[in-house]
Amino acid sequence: MRIFLIAGSIILPLVMFFLQKYRIKFRLIFNLGAILSTLVFGNIASLSIYQIIKDNTVLMTNIHAVFLNPFFLITGSYIGIYILYLLLLVTAGEK
């Protein structure tokens, strides 16, 4: 599983980089996916923190429950891959 996670963080941004070179629609899809992922990720995080403050519970023990939310994990991983993809674009654009 560790190899899969590490390989995915290297291979997926490269695949995104090469796909966007061939079709401009991929760039739009990647950007829209990043916007949607950021909204979902941020809303889950803020609602979790709000619930902890509202319930007056201990932050350090209850906030870790957010990591069990699959939407939080999926959107967070896409944001990470997208950032690496953007860094590839910036690096390729510099000469």
Protein backbone atom coordinates (compact mmCIF):
# COMPACT_ATOMS: atom_id res chain seq x y z
CA MET A 1 0.00 0.00 0.00
CA ARG A 2 2.86 2.38 0.76
CA ILE A 3 4.34 1.84 -2.69
CA PHE A 4 0.94 2.47 -4.25
CA LEU A 5 0.57 5.77 -2.40
CA ILE A 6 4.07 6.97 -3.23
CA ALA A 7 3.87 5.86 -6.88
CA GLY A 8 0.46 7.51 -7.21
CA SER A 9 1.78 10.82 -5.96
CA ILE A 10 4.49 10.70 -8.63
CA ILE A 11 2.66 9.12 -11.56
CA LEU A 12 -0.73 10.87 -11.39
CA PRO A 13 0.61 14.45 -11.64
CA LEU A 14 2.77 13.34 -14.59
CA VAL A 15 -0.26 11.78 -16.29
CA MET A 16 -2.23 14.99 -15.71
CA PHE A 17 0.64 17.05 -17.10
CA PHE A 18 0.88 15.04 -20.32
CA LEU A 19 -2.89 14.81 -20.78
CA GLN A 20 -3.35 18.56 -20.62
CA LYS A 21 -0.73 19.03 -23.34
CA TYR A 22 -2.81 17.06 -25.83
CA ARG A 23 -6.29 18.33 -25.09
CA ILE A 24 -7.19 21.72 -23.65
CA LYS A 25 -10.39 20.26 -22.14
CA PHE A 26 -8.35 18.27 -19.66
CA ARG A 27 -6.94 21.47 -18.19
CA LEU A 28 -10.48 22.77 -17.61
CA ILE A 29 -11.57 19.47 -16.06
CA PHE A 30 -8.54 19.42 -13.74
CA ASN A 31 -9.20 23.02 -12.65
CA LEU A 32 -12.91 22.41 -12.02
CA GLY A 33 -12.05 19.28 -10.06
CA ALA A 34 -9.65 21.29 -7.92
CA ILE A 35 -12.28 23.95 -7.23
CA LEU A 36 -14.87 21.36 -6.24
CA SER A 37 -12.36 19.41 -4.13
CA THR A 38 -11.24 22.55 -2.32
CA LEU A 39 -14.82 23.49 -1.53
CA VAL A 40 -15.68 20.03 -0.18
CA PHE A 41 -12.41 19.72 1.74
CA GLY A 42 -12.73 23.16 3.31
CA ASN A 43 -16.38 22.73 4.22
CA ILE A 44 -15.80 19.36 5.88
CA ALA A 45 -12.89 20.80 7.88
CA SER A 46 -14.78 23.92 8.94
CA LEU A 47 -17.95 22.03 9.87
CA SER A 48 -15.93 19.56 11.92
CA ILE A 49 -14.22 22.37 13.83
CA TYR A 50 -17.55 24.16 14.29
CA GLN A 51 -19.10 21.01 15.75
CA ILE A 52 -16.22 20.63 18.20
CA ILE A 53 -16.55 24.24 19.33
CA LYS A 54 -20.33 23.95 19.57
CA ASP A 55 -20.16 20.72 21.63
CA ASN A 56 -17.30 22.14 23.75
CA THR A 57 -15.28 18.95 23.36
CA VAL A 58 -11.54 18.39 23.33
CA LEU A 59 -10.18 19.43 19.94
CA MET A 60 -7.23 17.04 19.73
CA THR A 61 -9.24 13.89 20.33
CA ASN A 62 -12.33 14.67 18.25
CA ILE A 63 -10.79 16.37 15.23
CA HIS A 64 -9.13 13.14 14.17
CA ALA A 65 -12.55 11.72 13.33
CA VAL A 66 -12.52 13.90 10.22
CA PHE A 67 -9.82 11.62 8.79
CA LEU A 68 -12.37 8.81 8.69
CA ASN A 69 -14.52 10.74 6.23
CA PRO A 70 -13.85 9.32 2.72
CA PHE A 71 -14.85 12.58 1.00
CA PHE A 72 -12.28 14.45 3.09
CA LEU A 73 -9.56 11.95 2.18
CA ILE A 74 -10.40 11.81 -1.54
CA THR A 75 -10.66 15.56 -2.00
CA GLY A 76 -7.52 16.17 0.07
CA SER A 77 -5.54 13.71 -2.01
CA TYR A 78 -6.76 15.30 -5.26
CA ILE A 79 -5.73 18.74 -4.00
CA GLY A 80 -2.25 17.37 -3.23
CA ILE A 81 -1.93 15.79 -6.67
CA TYR A 82 -3.27 18.95 -8.31
CA ILE A 83 -0.67 21.09 -6.53
CA LEU A 84 2.10 18.82 -7.82
CA TYR A 85 0.57 19.08 -11.32
CA LEU A 86 0.62 22.89 -11.06
CA LEU A 87 4.25 22.82 -9.96
CA LEU A 88 5.04 20.72 -13.03
CA LEU A 89 3.31 23.30 -15.23
CA VAL A 90 5.23 26.18 -13.65
CA THR A 91 8.53 24.33 -13.89
CA ALA A 92 7.94 23.37 -17.53
CA GLY A 93 7.04 26.97 -18.36
CA GLU A 94 10.31 28.39 -17.07
CA LYS A 95 13.20 28.51 -19.49
